[in-house]
Amino acid sequence: MPGTPPARFGYLGPAGTFTEAALRTLRAADRADLLPYATVAAALEGVRQGEVDAALVPLENSIEGSVATTLDELATGDPLMLRREVLLRVQFSLLARPGTSLDDVRTVATHPHAEAQCRRSLAALVPDATVVLTSSTAEAARAVAAGQYDAAVSAPVAAQHYGLTELVGGVADNVGAVTRFVLVGTPGPPPSPTGADRTTLVAHLTDDGPGALLALLTEFAVRGVNLTRIESRPSGGVLGRYSFSLDAEGHVAEARVGEALSALKRVCADVRFLGSYPRADEVPARVVAGTSDGDFRAAAAWLAGLRAP
């Protein structure tokens, strides 16, 4: 509409991160103001405070696993909701100031996840260099531009932002690494189901005794809901108390998923629904026999008939 202000999207900055690259794959980002934040926590707080309409943050990597900070920030504080996800193939470059050669590199700056994915490659390229860990790959590039370090392992786009040159491209021990990002907004109705959806939630067990986790998992298993990710996180209180962050195939509007969540609400101390949204890989949810919406409707009608006077 004429006169409508552009959307504002936050992301894990500074400029030149893989998160910015992932955000720019979204069509809506072409018409939006993009605001970098120094940390995941700051980006999500920007959503809570209304500074931005939504924020893109990393959730998990195919090599290093989940981003603990993101999981913890989503599990606590004012509720937020995941609106969509982005999958980005991670391709690193070794960047340096113009005129630098590989023989000149004595220090390499990068993010811990990037270091883990490039450890063997760096050992082969610059075996005598010391690796210094930074808050992001873009911060590493900025520090190199400022003369603090000789080179950075970063996203190729960072070279443009910070006036660096690429010494080596495709620096990675595993060229198939993918990072999953999530676009996080304030709570509201989830998008309509597509048939290829994912539901994310955090469950806090009432009792941490024998079988407590099994009871949680059973609520999904008996309804044919496949879990694509499950991991424990400290509750932040008593040692030994954990919450569980889960991704499930399907949409809350579907009977099997909705009933599983309803059952969790009965047996868990708390359940935080973080949203149902389209899968970036467009893989349809697997629906086993007896768990389709039609199966649930038929079963409900049969039960209603038994209860009828």
C-alpha atoms as a PDB file:
ATOM      1  CA  MET A   1       0.000   0.000   0.000  1.00  0.00           C
ATOM      2  CA  PRO A   2       1.248   3.529  -0.742  1.00  0.00           C
ATOM      3  CA  GLY A   3       2.676   5.135   2.353  1.00  0.00           C
ATOM      4  CA  THR A   4       3.131   1.824   4.187  1.00  0.00           C
ATOM      5  CA  PRO A   5       6.487   1.850   5.967  1.00  0.00           C
ATOM      6  CA  PRO A   6       8.935  -0.900   4.999  1.00  0.00           C
ATOM      7  CA  ALA A   7       9.245  -3.949   7.199  1.00  0.00           C
ATOM      8  CA  ARG A   8      12.136  -4.009   9.623  1.00  0.00           C
ATOM      9  CA  PHE A   9      14.108  -7.220  10.002  1.00  0.00           C
ATOM     10  CA  GLY A  10      16.807  -7.793  12.589  1.00  0.00           C
ATOM     11  CA  TYR A  11      19.581 -10.329  12.230  1.00  0.00           C
ATOM     12  CA  LEU A  12      22.722 -11.542  13.956  1.00  0.00           C
ATOM     13  CA  GLY A  13      25.324  -9.031  12.850  1.00  0.00           C
ATOM     14  CA  PRO A  14      27.463  -7.239  12.153  1.00  0.00           C
ATOM     15  CA  ALA A  15      26.977  -6.764   8.420  1.00  0.00           C
ATOM     16  CA  GLY A  16      28.491  -9.586   6.413  1.00  0.00           C
ATOM     17  CA  THR A  17      27.386 -12.579   8.506  1.00  0.00           C
ATOM     18  CA  PHE A  18      25.906 -15.736   7.072  1.00  0.00           C
ATOM     19  CA  THR A  19      22.709 -14.690   8.844  1.00  0.00           C
ATOM     20  CA  GLU A  20      22.552 -11.569   6.689  1.00  0.00           C
ATOM     21  CA  ALA A  21      23.172 -13.708   3.602  1.00  0.00           C
ATOM     22  CA  ALA A  22      20.322 -16.029   4.654  1.00  0.00           C
ATOM     23  CA  LEU A  23      17.999 -13.097   5.341  1.00  0.00           C
ATOM     24  CA  ARG A  24      18.654 -11.667   1.889  1.00  0.00           C
ATOM     25  CA  THR A  25      17.312 -14.876   0.325  1.00  0.00           C
ATOM     26  CA  LEU A  26      13.833 -13.873   1.533  1.00  0.00           C
ATOM     27  CA  ARG A  27      11.853 -11.854  -0.965  1.00  0.00           C
ATOM     28  CA  ALA A  28      10.460  -9.628   1.786  1.00  0.00           C
ATOM     29  CA  ALA A  29      13.999  -8.528   2.689  1.00  0.00           C
ATOM     30  CA  ASP A  30      14.328  -6.741  -0.663  1.00  0.00           C
ATOM     31  CA  ARG A  31      11.851  -4.103   0.520  1.00  0.00           C
ATOM     32  CA  ALA A  32      12.829  -4.063   4.186  1.00  0.00           C
ATOM     33  CA  ASP A  33      15.174  -2.214   6.491  1.00  0.00           C
ATOM     34  CA  LEU A  34      17.780  -4.690   7.794  1.00  0.00           C
ATOM     35  CA  LEU A  35      19.166  -4.039  11.273  1.00  0.00           C
ATOM     36  CA  PRO A  36      22.209  -5.951  12.545  1.00  0.00           C
ATOM     37  CA  TYR A  37      22.419  -6.914  16.231  1.00  0.00           C
ATOM     38  CA  ALA A  38      25.552  -7.899  18.119  1.00  0.00           C
ATOM     39  CA  THR A  39      24.063 -11.088  19.619  1.00  0.00           C
ATOM     40  CA  VAL A  40      21.183 -13.505  19.152  1.00  0.00           C
ATOM     41  CA  ALA A  41      19.754 -12.335  22.480  1.00  0.00           C
ATOM     42  CA  ALA A  42      19.814  -8.705  21.339  1.00  0.00           C
ATOM     43  CA  ALA A  43      18.129  -9.546  18.033  1.00  0.00           C
ATOM     44  CA  LEU A  44      15.301 -11.420  19.755  1.00  0.00           C
ATOM     45  CA  GLU A  45      14.921  -8.684  22.358  1.00  0.00           C
ATOM     46  CA  GLY A  46      14.599  -6.250  19.442  1.00  0.00           C
ATOM     47  CA  VAL A  47      11.516  -8.221  18.366  1.00  0.00           C
ATOM     48  CA  ARG A  48      10.079  -8.180  21.883  1.00  0.00           C
ATOM     49  CA  GLN A  49      10.603  -4.433  22.198  1.00  0.00           C
ATOM     50  CA  GLY A  50       9.098  -3.669  18.785  1.00  0.00           C
ATOM     51  CA  GLU A  51      12.347  -2.347  17.301  1.00  0.00           C
ATOM     52  CA  VAL A  52      11.955  -4.803  14.402  1.00  0.00           C
ATOM     53  CA  ASP A  53       9.039  -6.787  13.026  1.00  0.00           C
ATOM     54  CA  ALA A  54      10.997 -10.048  13.032  1.00  0.00           C
ATOM     55  CA  ALA A  55      14.561 -11.288  13.378  1.00  0.00           C
ATOM     56  CA  LEU A  56      16.492 -14.021  11.611  1.00  0.00           C
ATOM     57  CA  VAL A  57      18.802 -16.047  13.861  1.00  0.00           C
ATOM     58  CA  PRO A  58      20.715 -19.338  13.439  1.00  0.00           C
ATOM     59  CA  LEU A  59      19.131 -22.400  15.061  1.00  0.00           C
ATOM     60  CA  GLU A  60      21.284 -25.357  14.036  1.00  0.00           C
ATOM     61  CA  ASN A  61      24.131 -26.444  11.807  1.00  0.00           C
ATOM     62  CA  SER A  62      24.508 -29.818  10.142  1.00  0.00           C
ATOM     63  CA  ILE A  63      28.064 -30.136  11.501  1.00  0.00           C
ATOM     64  CA  GLU A  64      28.072 -28.423  14.889  1.00  0.00           C
ATOM     65  CA  GLY A  65      24.469 -29.033  15.920  1.00  0.00           C
ATOM     66  CA  SER A  66      22.133 -26.550  17.575  1.00  0.00           C
ATOM     67  CA  VAL A  67      22.951 -23.003  18.615  1.00  0.00           C
ATOM     68  CA  ALA A  68      22.479 -23.140  22.384  1.00  0.00           C
ATOM     69  CA  THR A  69      21.976 -19.394  22.769  1.00  0.00           C
ATOM     70  CA  THR A  70      19.062 -19.411  20.338  1.00  0.00           C
ATOM     71  CA  LEU A  71      17.402 -22.381  22.032  1.00  0.00           C
ATOM     72  CA  ASP A  72      17.712 -20.783  25.469  1.00  0.00           C
ATOM     73  CA  GLU A  73      16.472 -17.360  24.352  1.00  0.00           C
ATOM     74  CA  LEU A  74      13.405 -18.893  22.713  1.00  0.00           C
ATOM     75  CA  ALA A  75      12.645 -21.005  25.790  1.00  0.00           C
ATOM     76  CA  THR A  76      12.636 -18.062  28.212  1.00  0.00           C
ATOM     77  CA  GLY A  77      11.456 -14.468  28.339  1.00  0.00           C
ATOM     78  CA  ASP A  78       8.343 -13.091  26.681  1.00  0.00           C
ATOM     79  CA  PRO A  79       6.978 -15.614  24.153  1.00  0.00           C
ATOM     80  CA  LEU A  80       8.066 -15.448  20.533  1.00  0.00           C
ATOM     81  CA  MET A  81       7.010 -17.441  17.498  1.00  0.00           C
ATOM     82  CA  LEU A  82       8.890 -18.942  14.553  1.00  0.00           C
ATOM     83  CA  ARG A  83       7.386 -17.805  11.252  1.00  0.00           C
ATOM     84  CA  ARG A  84       9.555 -19.614   8.723  1.00  0.00           C
ATOM     85  CA  GLU A  85      12.950 -21.198   8.263  1.00  0.00           C
ATOM     86  CA  VAL A  86      15.829 -20.732   5.841  1.00  0.00           C
ATOM     87  CA  LEU A  87      18.441 -23.333   4.898  1.00  0.00           C
ATOM     88  CA  LEU A  88      21.758 -21.914   3.737  1.00  0.00           C
ATOM     89  CA  ARG A  89      24.693 -23.880   2.431  1.00  0.00           C
ATOM     90  CA  VAL A  90      27.703 -22.530   4.310  1.00  0.00           C
ATOM     91  CA  GLN A  91      30.696 -21.661   2.147  1.00  0.00           C
ATOM     92  CA  PHE A  92      33.667 -20.059   3.887  1.00  0.00           C
ATOM     93  CA  SER A  93      36.453 -17.938   2.456  1.00  0.00           C
ATOM     94  CA  LEU A  94      39.811 -16.986   3.906  1.00  0.00           C
ATOM     95  CA  LEU A  95      39.848 -13.176   3.704  1.00  0.00           C
ATOM     96  CA  ALA A  96      42.681 -10.728   4.240  1.00  0.00           C
ATOM     97  CA  ARG A  97      43.654  -7.123   3.587  1.00  0.00           C
ATOM     98  CA  PRO A  98      44.806  -6.371   0.033  1.00  0.00           C
ATOM     99  CA  GLY A  99      48.448  -7.265  -0.473  1.00  0.00           C
ATOM    100  CA  THR A 100      48.459 -10.072   2.099  1.00  0.00           C
ATOM    101  CA  SER A 101      49.703 -13.505   1.024  1.00  0.00           C
ATOM    102  CA  LEU A 102      49.224 -16.883   2.688  1.00  0.00           C
ATOM    103  CA  ASP A 103      52.810 -16.734   3.912  1.00  0.00           C
ATOM    104  CA  ASP A 104      51.970 -13.507   5.789  1.00  0.00           C
ATOM    105  CA  VAL A 105      49.159 -15.062   7.811  1.00  0.00           C
ATOM    106  CA  ARG A 106      50.087 -15.613  11.441  1.00  0.00           C
ATOM    107  CA  THR A 107      46.658 -15.054  13.028  1.00  0.00           C
ATOM    108  CA  VAL A 108      43.233 -16.141  11.761  1.00  0.00           C
ATOM    109  CA  ALA A 109      40.014 -14.886  13.344  1.00  0.00           C
ATOM    110  CA  THR A 110      36.651 -16.612  13.067  1.00  0.00           C
ATOM    111  CA  HIS A 111      33.542 -17.788  14.927  1.00  0.00           C
ATOM    112  CA  PRO A 112      33.774 -21.060  16.948  1.00  0.00           C
ATOM    113  CA  HIS A 113      31.344 -22.889  14.625  1.00  0.00           C
ATOM    114  CA  ALA A 114      33.341 -21.810  11.583  1.00  0.00           C
ATOM    115  CA  GLU A 115      36.602 -22.880  13.222  1.00  0.00           C
ATOM    116  CA  ALA A 116      35.168 -26.340  13.879  1.00  0.00           C
ATOM    117  CA  GLN A 117      34.093 -26.681  10.250  1.00  0.00           C
ATOM    118  CA  CYS A 118      37.432 -25.499   8.820  1.00  0.00           C
ATOM    119  CA  ARG A 119      39.969 -26.892  11.298  1.00  0.00           C
ATOM    120  CA  ARG A 120      41.680 -29.354   8.963  1.00  0.00           C
ATOM    121  CA  SER A 121      41.616 -26.981   6.005  1.00  0.00           C
ATOM    122  CA  LEU A 122      43.234 -24.198   8.038  1.00  0.00           C
ATOM    123  CA  ALA A 123      45.899 -26.577   9.317  1.00  0.00           C
ATOM    124  CA  ALA A 124      46.799 -27.360   5.715  1.00  0.00           C
ATOM    125  CA  LEU A 125      46.629 -23.778   4.423  1.00  0.00           C
ATOM    126  CA  VAL A 126      48.254 -21.867   7.293  1.00  0.00           C
ATOM    127  CA  PRO A 127      49.778 -24.507   9.615  1.00  0.00           C
ATOM    128  CA  ASP A 128      51.684 -21.991  11.776  1.00  0.00           C
ATOM    129  CA  ALA A 129      48.784 -19.552  12.274  1.00  0.00           C
ATOM    130  CA  THR A 130      47.028 -19.032  15.595  1.00  0.00           C
ATOM    131  CA  VAL A 131      43.222 -19.163  15.443  1.00  0.00           C
ATOM    132  CA  VAL A 132      41.394 -16.508  17.466  1.00  0.00           C
ATOM    133  CA  LEU A 133      37.664 -16.921  18.189  1.00  0.00           C
ATOM    134  CA  THR A 134      35.257 -14.009  17.708  1.00  0.00           C
ATOM    135  CA  SER A 135      31.535 -13.392  18.212  1.00  0.00           C
ATOM    136  CA  SER A 136      30.764 -13.849  14.505  1.00  0.00           C
ATOM    137  CA  THR A 137      32.523 -14.459  11.202  1.00  0.00           C
ATOM    138  CA  ALA A 138      31.688 -10.892  10.181  1.00  0.00           C
ATOM    139  CA  GLU A 139      33.249  -9.527  13.364  1.00  0.00           C
ATOM    140  CA  ALA A 140      36.351 -11.497  12.429  1.00  0.00           C
ATOM    141  CA  ALA A 141      36.392  -9.798   9.013  1.00  0.00           C
ATOM    142  CA  ARG A 142      35.911  -6.375  10.608  1.00  0.00           C
ATOM    143  CA  ALA A 143      38.805  -7.030  12.979  1.00  0.00           C
ATOM    144  CA  VAL A 144      41.058  -8.019  10.075  1.00  0.00           C
ATOM    145  CA  ALA A 145      40.131  -4.822   8.223  1.00  0.00           C
ATOM    146  CA  ALA A 146      41.059  -2.898  11.387  1.00  0.00           C
ATOM    147  CA  GLY A 147      44.483  -4.560  11.438  1.00  0.00           C
ATOM    148  CA  GLN A 148      43.902  -6.689  14.550  1.00  0.00           C
ATOM    149  CA  TYR A 149      44.473 -10.018  12.779  1.00  0.00           C
ATOM    150  CA  ASP A 150      46.004 -11.158   9.495  1.00  0.00           C
ATOM    151  CA  ALA A 151      43.074 -13.122   8.058  1.00  0.00           C
ATOM    152  CA  ALA A 152      39.501 -14.187   8.745  1.00  0.00           C
ATOM    153  CA  VAL A 153      37.420 -17.237   7.917  1.00  0.00           C
ATOM    154  CA  SER A 154      34.146 -15.629   6.962  1.00  0.00           C
ATOM    155  CA  ALA A 155      31.292 -15.485   4.496  1.00  0.00           C
ATOM    156  CA  PRO A 156      32.422 -14.352   1.034  1.00  0.00           C
ATOM    157  CA  VAL A 157      30.026 -11.372   1.251  1.00  0.00           C
ATOM    158  CA  ALA A 158      32.076  -9.956   4.141  1.00  0.00           C
ATOM    159  CA  ALA A 159      34.880  -9.091   1.726  1.00  0.00           C
ATOM    160  CA  GLN A 160      32.635  -6.484   0.089  1.00  0.00           C
ATOM    161  CA  HIS A 161      31.549  -5.009   3.414  1.00  0.00           C
ATOM    162  CA  TYR A 162      35.059  -4.633   4.840  1.00  0.00           C
ATOM    163  CA  GLY A 163      37.296  -4.072   1.824  1.00  0.00           C
ATOM    164  CA  LEU A 164      39.091  -7.417   2.030  1.00  0.00           C
ATOM    165  CA  THR A 165      40.320  -9.792  -0.643  1.00  0.00           C
ATOM    166  CA  GLU A 166      39.781 -13.531  -0.878  1.00  0.00           C
ATOM    167  CA  LEU A 167      42.982 -15.513  -0.354  1.00  0.00           C
ATOM    168  CA  VAL A 168      41.252 -18.894  -0.652  1.00  0.00           C
ATOM    169  CA  GLY A 169      37.640 -19.767  -1.400  1.00  0.00           C
ATOM    170  CA  GLY A 170      35.742 -22.876  -0.367  1.00  0.00           C
ATOM    171  CA  VAL A 171      37.573 -23.274   2.935  1.00  0.00           C
ATOM    172  CA  ALA A 172      35.733 -26.101   4.689  1.00  0.00           C
ATOM    173  CA  ASP A 173      36.328 -29.640   5.879  1.00  0.00           C
ATOM    174  CA  ASN A 174      32.813 -30.616   4.804  1.00  0.00           C
ATOM    175  CA  VAL A 175      31.540 -28.870   1.680  1.00  0.00           C
ATOM    176  CA  GLY A 176      27.970 -30.042   2.349  1.00  0.00           C
ATOM    177  CA  ALA A 177      27.487 -28.111   5.602  1.00  0.00           C
ATOM    178  CA  VAL A 178      24.115 -26.402   5.949  1.00  0.00           C
ATOM    179  CA  THR A 179      22.881 -23.961   8.581  1.00  0.00           C
ATOM    180  CA  ARG A 180      19.210 -23.654   9.469  1.00  0.00           C
ATOM    181  CA  PHE A 181      17.969 -20.176  10.355  1.00  0.00           C
ATOM    182  CA  VAL A 182      14.566 -19.210  11.757  1.00  0.00           C
ATOM    183  CA  LEU A 183      12.598 -16.006  11.296  1.00  0.00           C
ATOM    184  CA  VAL A 184      11.210 -15.070  14.710  1.00  0.00           C
ATOM    185  CA  GLY A 185       8.294 -12.713  15.352  1.00  0.00           C
ATOM    186  CA  THR A 186       5.762 -11.960  18.050  1.00  0.00           C
ATOM    187  CA  PRO A 187       3.012 -14.501  18.871  1.00  0.00           C
ATOM    188  CA  GLY A 188       0.094 -14.768  16.495  1.00  0.00           C
ATOM    189  CA  PRO A 189      -1.808 -17.275  14.359  1.00  0.00           C
ATOM    190  CA  PRO A 190       0.566 -19.627  12.517  1.00  0.00           C
ATOM    191  CA  PRO A 191       0.541 -19.695   8.707  1.00  0.00           C
ATOM    192  CA  SER A 192      -1.852 -22.175   7.124  1.00  0.00           C
ATOM    193  CA  PRO A 193      -0.638 -25.764   6.768  1.00  0.00           C
ATOM    194  CA  THR A 194       1.090 -26.660   3.516  1.00  0.00           C
ATOM    195  CA  GLY A 195       1.521 -30.416   3.983  1.00  0.00           C
ATOM    196  CA  ALA A 196       5.266 -29.880   4.421  1.00  0.00           C
ATOM    197  CA  ASP A 197       5.450 -28.166   7.788  1.00  0.00           C
ATOM    198  CA  ARG A 198       7.412 -28.216  11.001  1.00  0.00           C
ATOM    199  CA  THR A 199       6.265 -27.523  14.580  1.00  0.00           C
ATOM    200  CA  THR A 200       8.697 -26.359  17.251  1.00  0.00           C
ATOM    201  CA  LEU A 201       8.095 -26.365  21.003  1.00  0.00           C
ATOM    202  CA  VAL A 202       9.776 -26.493  24.403  1.00  0.00           C
ATOM    203  CA  ALA A 203       8.517 -28.957  27.027  1.00  0.00           C
ATOM    204  CA  HIS A 204       9.302 -28.849  30.744  1.00  0.00           C
ATOM    205  CA  LEU A 205       8.833 -32.177  32.494  1.00  0.00           C
ATOM    206  CA  THR A 206       6.768 -32.325  35.679  1.00  0.00           C
ATOM    207  CA  ASP A 207       8.844 -35.195  37.074  1.00  0.00           C
ATOM    208  CA  ASP A 208      12.415 -36.104  36.174  1.00  0.00           C
ATOM    209  CA  GLY A 209      12.059 -39.654  37.483  1.00  0.00           C
ATOM    210  CA  PRO A 210      12.376 -42.905  35.501  1.00  0.00           C
ATOM    211  CA  GLY A 211      10.350 -42.919  32.306  1.00  0.00           C
ATOM    212  CA  ALA A 212       9.557 -39.178  32.306  1.00  0.00           C
ATOM    213  CA  LEU A 213      11.160 -38.547  28.924  1.00  0.00           C
ATOM    214  CA  LEU A 214       9.692 -41.763  27.532  1.00  0.00           C
ATOM    215  CA  ALA A 215       6.229 -40.548  28.519  1.00  0.00           C
ATOM    216  CA  LEU A 216       6.815 -37.318  26.599  1.00  0.00           C
ATOM    217  CA  LEU A 217       8.035 -39.129  23.498  1.00  0.00           C
ATOM    218  CA  THR A 218       5.186 -41.627  23.646  1.00  0.00           C
ATOM    219  CA  GLU A 219       2.608 -38.862  23.147  1.00  0.00           C
ATOM    220  CA  PHE A 220       4.117 -38.241  19.716  1.00  0.00           C
ATOM    221  CA  ALA A 221       4.821 -41.872  18.841  1.00  0.00           C
ATOM    222  CA  VAL A 222       1.285 -43.164  19.441  1.00  0.00           C
ATOM    223  CA  ARG A 223      -0.091 -40.454  17.125  1.00  0.00           C
ATOM    224  CA  GLY A 224       2.424 -41.089  14.359  1.00  0.00           C
ATOM    225  CA  VAL A 225       4.202 -37.745  14.737  1.00  0.00           C
ATOM    226  CA  ASN A 226       7.867 -37.937  13.775  1.00  0.00           C
ATOM    227  CA  LEU A 227      10.370 -35.826  15.727  1.00  0.00           C
ATOM    228  CA  THR A 228      13.179 -34.384  13.601  1.00  0.00           C
ATOM    229  CA  ARG A 229      15.076 -32.842  16.539  1.00  0.00           C
ATOM    230  CA  ILE A 230      15.049 -33.285  20.304  1.00  0.00           C
ATOM    231  CA  GLU A 231      17.596 -32.044  22.809  1.00  0.00           C
ATOM    232  CA  SER A 232      17.793 -31.164  26.460  1.00  0.00           C
ATOM    233  CA  ARG A 233      18.723 -27.774  27.865  1.00  0.00           C
ATOM    234  CA  PRO A 234      19.363 -26.857  31.527  1.00  0.00           C
ATOM    235  CA  SER A 235      16.340 -25.246  33.105  1.00  0.00           C
ATOM    236  CA  GLY A 236      18.472 -22.519  34.659  1.00  0.00           C
ATOM    237  CA  GLY A 237      17.347 -23.487  38.130  1.00  0.00           C
ATOM    238  CA  VAL A 238      18.051 -26.697  40.017  1.00  0.00           C
ATOM    239  CA  LEU A 239      20.974 -28.793  38.773  1.00  0.00           C
ATOM    240  CA  GLY A 240      19.640 -31.830  36.935  1.00  0.00           C
ATOM    241  CA  ARG A 241      16.398 -30.173  35.788  1.00  0.00           C
ATOM    242  CA  TYR A 242      16.066 -29.881  32.027  1.00  0.00           C
ATOM    243  CA  SER A 243      13.660 -28.676  29.399  1.00  0.00           C
ATOM    244  CA  PHE A 244      13.405 -30.313  25.991  1.00  0.00           C
ATOM    245  CA  SER A 245      13.455 -28.446  22.701  1.00  0.00           C
ATOM    246  CA  LEU A 246      11.709 -30.374  19.913  1.00  0.00           C
ATOM    247  CA  ASP A 247      10.922 -30.157  16.212  1.00  0.00           C
ATOM    248  CA  ALA A 248       8.047 -32.291  14.963  1.00  0.00           C
ATOM    249  CA  GLU A 249       6.846 -33.017  11.463  1.00  0.00           C
ATOM    250  CA  GLY A 250       3.462 -31.511  10.747  1.00  0.00           C
ATOM    251  CA  HIS A 251       1.305 -28.521  11.683  1.00  0.00           C
ATOM    252  CA  VAL A 252      -0.601 -27.732  14.867  1.00  0.00           C
ATOM    253  CA  ALA A 253      -3.788 -27.497  12.767  1.00  0.00           C
ATOM    254  CA  GLU A 254      -3.462 -31.215  11.945  1.00  0.00           C
ATOM    255  CA  ALA A 255      -5.254 -33.556  14.323  1.00  0.00           C
ATOM    256  CA  ARG A 256      -2.323 -35.825  15.132  1.00  0.00           C
ATOM    257  CA  VAL A 257      -0.038 -32.882  15.995  1.00  0.00           C
ATOM    258  CA  GLY A 258      -2.711 -30.960  17.878  1.00  0.00           C
ATOM    259  CA  GLU A 259      -3.638 -33.977  19.980  1.00  0.00           C
ATOM    260  CA  ALA A 260       0.015 -34.656  20.785  1.00  0.00           C
ATOM    261  CA  LEU A 261       0.474 -31.075  22.009  1.00  0.00           C
ATOM    262  CA  SER A 262      -2.726 -31.278  24.014  1.00  0.00           C
ATOM    263  CA  ALA A 263      -1.495 -34.467  25.666  1.00  0.00           C
ATOM    264  CA  LEU A 264       1.859 -32.829  26.494  1.00  0.00           C
ATOM    265  CA  LYS A 265       0.033 -29.952  28.152  1.00  0.00           C
ATOM    266  CA  ARG A 266      -1.641 -32.463  30.476  1.00  0.00           C
ATOM    267  CA  VAL A 267       1.531 -34.310  31.473  1.00  0.00           C
ATOM    268  CA  CYS A 268       4.207 -31.563  31.433  1.00  0.00           C
ATOM    269  CA  ALA A 269       4.819 -28.758  33.874  1.00  0.00           C
ATOM    270  CA  ASP A 270       4.799 -26.332  30.960  1.00  0.00           C
ATOM    271  CA  VAL A 271       4.750 -26.380  27.160  1.00  0.00           C
ATOM    272  CA  ARG A 272       5.871 -23.408  25.092  1.00  0.00           C
ATOM    273  CA  PHE A 273       4.538 -23.555  21.538  1.00  0.00           C
ATOM    274  CA  LEU A 274       7.036 -21.836  19.237  1.00  0.00           C
ATOM    275  CA  GLY A 275       5.101 -22.150  16.015  1.00  0.00           C
ATOM    276  CA  SER A 276       4.151 -24.231  12.999  1.00  0.00           C
ATOM    277  CA  TYR A 277       5.659 -23.082   9.702  1.00  0.00           C
ATOM    278  CA  PRO A 278       6.623 -24.362   6.235  1.00  0.00           C
ATOM    279  CA  ARG A 279       9.730 -26.505   5.960  1.00  0.00           C
ATOM    280  CA  ALA A 280      12.416 -24.901   3.825  1.00  0.00           C
ATOM    281  CA  ASP A 281      13.232 -28.251   2.187  1.00  0.00           C
ATOM    282  CA  GLU A 282       9.531 -28.772   1.339  1.00  0.00           C
ATOM    283  CA  VAL A 283       9.652 -32.394   2.513  1.00  0.00           C
ATOM    284  CA  PRO A 284       6.062 -33.554   3.211  1.00  0.00           C
ATOM    285  CA  ALA A 285       5.226 -34.900   6.633  1.00  0.00           C
ATOM    286  CA  ARG A 286       4.914 -38.676   6.827  1.00  0.00           C
ATOM    287  CA  VAL A 287       1.372 -39.684   7.756  1.00  0.00           C
ATOM    288  CA  VAL A 288       1.135 -43.302   8.887  1.00  0.00           C
ATOM    289  CA  ALA A 289      -2.043 -45.354   8.657  1.00  0.00           C
ATOM    290  CA  GLY A 290      -4.647 -44.390  11.212  1.00  0.00           C
ATOM    291  CA  THR A 291      -3.272 -40.887  11.934  1.00  0.00           C
ATOM    292  CA  SER A 292      -4.686 -38.711   9.137  1.00  0.00           C
ATOM    293  CA  ASP A 293      -7.191 -35.979   9.941  1.00  0.00           C
ATOM    294  CA  GLY A 294      -9.875 -38.164   8.350  1.00  0.00           C
ATOM    295  CA  ASP A 295      -8.964 -41.056  10.653  1.00  0.00           C
ATOM    296  CA  PHE A 296      -9.252 -38.809  13.696  1.00  0.00           C
ATOM    297  CA  ARG A 297     -12.632 -37.455  12.545  1.00  0.00           C
ATOM    298  CA  ALA A 298     -13.978 -40.957  11.950  1.00  0.00           C
ATOM    299  CA  ALA A 299     -12.799 -42.098  15.384  1.00  0.00           C
ATOM    300  CA  ALA A 300     -14.385 -39.041  17.046  1.00  0.00           C
ATOM    301  CA  ALA A 301     -17.675 -39.679  15.259  1.00  0.00           C
ATOM    302  CA  TRP A 302     -17.634 -43.320  16.338  1.00  0.00           C
ATOM    303  CA  LEU A 303     -17.022 -42.310  19.977  1.00  0.00           C
ATOM    304  CA  ALA A 304     -19.771 -39.689  19.814  1.00  0.00           C
ATOM    305  CA  GLY A 305     -22.129 -42.396  18.610  1.00  0.00           C
ATOM    306  CA  LEU A 306     -21.256 -44.598  21.590  1.00  0.00           C
ATOM    307  CA  ARG A 307     -21.933 -41.709  23.982  1.00  0.00           C
ATOM    308  CA  ALA A 308     -25.210 -40.652  22.363  1.00  0.00           C
ATOM    309  CA  PRO A 309     -28.277 -41.192  24.582  1.00  0.00           C
END
